[in-house]
Amino acid sequence: MSAFMTDKEKHLQMVYKNNVVVAKDGNKIIVIHSKRSVKPLLPFEISQGVFDQWKQRDARIAMTDTPYKELFAPAVNRPDNKLVYVADFNDIEFSDQ
């Protein structure tokens, strides 16, 4: 099995097992998977405070070792594609399920 397939399988397991998966881009924390958030649309950037608060509320949150820019195609990582920044946990809208 190639290294790429191993990483892809690892990410699929991480998404399956966790409610939230985040990735790093330098100092930025970017939500790449969330089972319950509906707004803002994925992916979006969160502050360290929001990340800490989310971890307190949900034990099934994980951070991938793969940098954010390596997870998505170049079309998603264009410089003009700005991510929404969330500095207050209450700004995230969740589904009831």
C-alpha atoms as a PDB file:
ATOM      1  CA  MET A   1       0.000   0.000   0.000  1.00  0.00           C
ATOM      2  CA  SER A   2       1.390   3.437  -0.928  1.00  0.00           C
ATOM      3  CA  ALA A   3       2.078   6.122   1.654  1.00  0.00           C
ATOM      4  CA  PHE A   4      -0.670   8.252   0.068  1.00  0.00           C
ATOM      5  CA  MET A   5      -3.253   5.495   0.516  1.00  0.00           C
ATOM      6  CA  THR A   6      -2.159   4.939   4.112  1.00  0.00           C
ATOM      7  CA  ASP A   7      -2.582   8.669   4.886  1.00  0.00           C
ATOM      8  CA  LYS A   8      -5.959   8.758   3.143  1.00  0.00           C
ATOM      9  CA  GLU A   9      -7.174   5.750   5.124  1.00  0.00           C
ATOM     10  CA  LYS A  10      -5.899   7.340   8.345  1.00  0.00           C
ATOM     11  CA  HIS A  11      -7.857  10.526   7.574  1.00  0.00           C
ATOM     12  CA  LEU A  12     -11.024   8.586   6.785  1.00  0.00           C
ATOM     13  CA  GLN A  13     -10.756   6.766  10.123  1.00  0.00           C
ATOM     14  CA  MET A  14     -10.156  10.089  11.895  1.00  0.00           C
ATOM     15  CA  VAL A  15     -13.264  11.609  10.279  1.00  0.00           C
ATOM     16  CA  TYR A  16     -15.333   8.517  11.105  1.00  0.00           C
ATOM     17  CA  LYS A  17     -14.256   8.378  14.769  1.00  0.00           C
ATOM     18  CA  ASN A  18     -14.382  12.106  15.598  1.00  0.00           C
ATOM     19  CA  ASN A  19     -17.054  14.773  15.608  1.00  0.00           C
ATOM     20  CA  VAL A  20     -14.521  17.467  14.695  1.00  0.00           C
ATOM     21  CA  VAL A  21     -11.215  17.326  12.810  1.00  0.00           C
ATOM     22  CA  VAL A  22      -8.902  20.326  12.548  1.00  0.00           C
ATOM     23  CA  ALA A  23      -5.687  20.950  10.648  1.00  0.00           C
ATOM     24  CA  LYS A  24      -2.891  23.481  11.089  1.00  0.00           C
ATOM     25  CA  ASP A  25      -1.663  26.032   8.555  1.00  0.00           C
ATOM     26  CA  GLY A  26       1.244  27.673  10.321  1.00  0.00           C
ATOM     27  CA  ASN A  27      -0.342  29.117  13.462  1.00  0.00           C
ATOM     28  CA  LYS A  28      -3.870  28.918  12.044  1.00  0.00           C
ATOM     29  CA  ILE A  29      -6.320  26.264  13.252  1.00  0.00           C
ATOM     30  CA  ILE A  30      -8.720  25.232  10.493  1.00  0.00           C
ATOM     31  CA  VAL A  31     -11.829  23.090  10.943  1.00  0.00           C
ATOM     32  CA  ILE A  32     -11.907  20.622   8.048  1.00  0.00           C
ATOM     33  CA  HIS A  33     -14.647  18.289   9.346  1.00  0.00           C
ATOM     34  CA  SER A  34     -17.525  18.810  11.739  1.00  0.00           C
ATOM     35  CA  LYS A  35     -20.522  16.524  12.101  1.00  0.00           C
ATOM     36  CA  ARG A  36     -22.764  19.136  13.730  1.00  0.00           C
ATOM     37  CA  SER A  37     -21.723  22.631  12.621  1.00  0.00           C
ATOM     38  CA  VAL A  38     -23.797  24.149   9.803  1.00  0.00           C
ATOM     39  CA  LYS A  39     -22.444  27.720   9.717  1.00  0.00           C
ATOM     40  CA  PRO A  40     -19.939  28.857   8.729  1.00  0.00           C
ATOM     41  CA  LEU A  41     -19.369  26.460   5.857  1.00  0.00           C
ATOM     42  CA  LEU A  42     -16.323  24.189   6.007  1.00  0.00           C
ATOM     43  CA  PRO A  43     -13.441  24.759   6.009  1.00  0.00           C
ATOM     44  CA  PHE A  44     -13.179  27.701   8.425  1.00  0.00           C
ATOM     45  CA  GLU A  45     -10.523  29.079  10.753  1.00  0.00           C
ATOM     46  CA  ILE A  46     -10.955  29.238  14.531  1.00  0.00           C
ATOM     47  CA  SER A  47      -9.030  30.960  17.297  1.00  0.00           C
ATOM     48  CA  GLN A  48      -7.116  29.019  19.945  1.00  0.00           C
ATOM     49  CA  GLY A  49      -9.803  30.038  22.460  1.00  0.00           C
ATOM     50  CA  VAL A  50     -12.582  28.592  20.287  1.00  0.00           C
ATOM     51  CA  PHE A  51     -10.558  25.387  19.830  1.00  0.00           C
ATOM     52  CA  ASP A  52     -10.048  25.075  23.602  1.00  0.00           C
ATOM     53  CA  GLN A  53     -13.737  25.707  24.302  1.00  0.00           C
ATOM     54  CA  TRP A  54     -14.779  23.168  21.664  1.00  0.00           C
ATOM     55  CA  LYS A  55     -12.459  20.573  23.223  1.00  0.00           C
ATOM     56  CA  GLN A  56     -14.126  21.154  26.609  1.00  0.00           C
ATOM     57  CA  ARG A  57     -17.571  20.585  25.098  1.00  0.00           C
ATOM     58  CA  ASP A  58     -16.697  17.636  22.852  1.00  0.00           C
ATOM     59  CA  ALA A  59     -14.166  14.926  23.680  1.00  0.00           C
ATOM     60  CA  ARG A  60     -14.215  13.643  20.092  1.00  0.00           C
ATOM     61  CA  ILE A  61     -12.092  16.366  18.497  1.00  0.00           C
ATOM     62  CA  ALA A  62      -8.795  15.578  16.778  1.00  0.00           C
ATOM     63  CA  MET A  63      -5.992  17.420  15.034  1.00  0.00           C
ATOM     64  CA  THR A  64      -4.481  15.871  11.921  1.00  0.00           C
ATOM     65  CA  ASP A  65      -0.709  15.794  11.473  1.00  0.00           C
ATOM     66  CA  THR A  66      -1.075  16.605   7.776  1.00  0.00           C
ATOM     67  CA  PRO A  67      -0.820  20.351   7.073  1.00  0.00           C
ATOM     68  CA  TYR A  68      -4.019  21.968   5.795  1.00  0.00           C
ATOM     69  CA  LYS A  69      -2.523  22.879   2.402  1.00  0.00           C
ATOM     70  CA  GLU A  70      -1.726  19.216   1.714  1.00  0.00           C
ATOM     71  CA  LEU A  71      -5.289  18.045   2.398  1.00  0.00           C
ATOM     72  CA  PHE A  72      -7.087  19.849  -0.428  1.00  0.00           C
ATOM     73  CA  ALA A  73      -6.579  20.448  -4.124  1.00  0.00           C
ATOM     74  CA  PRO A  74      -4.805  23.681  -5.164  1.00  0.00           C
ATOM     75  CA  ALA A  75      -8.142  25.161  -6.294  1.00  0.00           C
ATOM     76  CA  VAL A  76      -9.320  25.196  -2.660  1.00  0.00           C
ATOM     77  CA  ASN A  77      -6.033  26.662  -1.383  1.00  0.00           C
ATOM     78  CA  ARG A  78      -5.979  29.673  -3.711  1.00  0.00           C
ATOM     79  CA  PRO A  79      -4.799  32.901  -2.023  1.00  0.00           C
ATOM     80  CA  ASP A  80      -8.073  34.636  -2.986  1.00  0.00           C
ATOM     81  CA  ASN A  81     -10.102  31.925  -1.216  1.00  0.00           C
ATOM     82  CA  LYS A  82     -10.348  33.518   2.245  1.00  0.00           C
ATOM     83  CA  LEU A  83     -11.523  31.369   5.133  1.00  0.00           C
ATOM     84  CA  VAL A  84     -14.118  32.659   7.586  1.00  0.00           C
ATOM     85  CA  TYR A  85     -12.430  33.417  10.945  1.00  0.00           C
ATOM     86  CA  VAL A  86     -14.349  32.532  14.113  1.00  0.00           C
ATOM     87  CA  ALA A  87     -13.113  34.139  17.338  1.00  0.00           C
ATOM     88  CA  ASP A  88     -16.257  33.477  19.429  1.00  0.00           C
ATOM     89  CA  PHE A  89     -17.611  29.944  19.893  1.00  0.00           C
ATOM     90  CA  ASN A  90     -21.184  31.306  19.898  1.00  0.00           C
ATOM     91  CA  ASP A  91     -20.720  32.403  16.267  1.00  0.00           C
ATOM     92  CA  ILE A  92     -20.758  28.746  15.178  1.00  0.00           C
ATOM     93  CA  GLU A  93     -24.231  27.451  14.361  1.00  0.00           C
ATOM     94  CA  PHE A  94     -24.895  23.793  15.147  1.00  0.00           C
ATOM     95  CA  SER A  95     -27.601  21.376  14.046  1.00  0.00           C
ATOM     96  CA  ASP A  96     -29.785  19.847  16.743  1.00  0.00           C
ATOM     97  CA  GLN A  97     -28.917  16.278  15.769  1.00  0.00           C
END
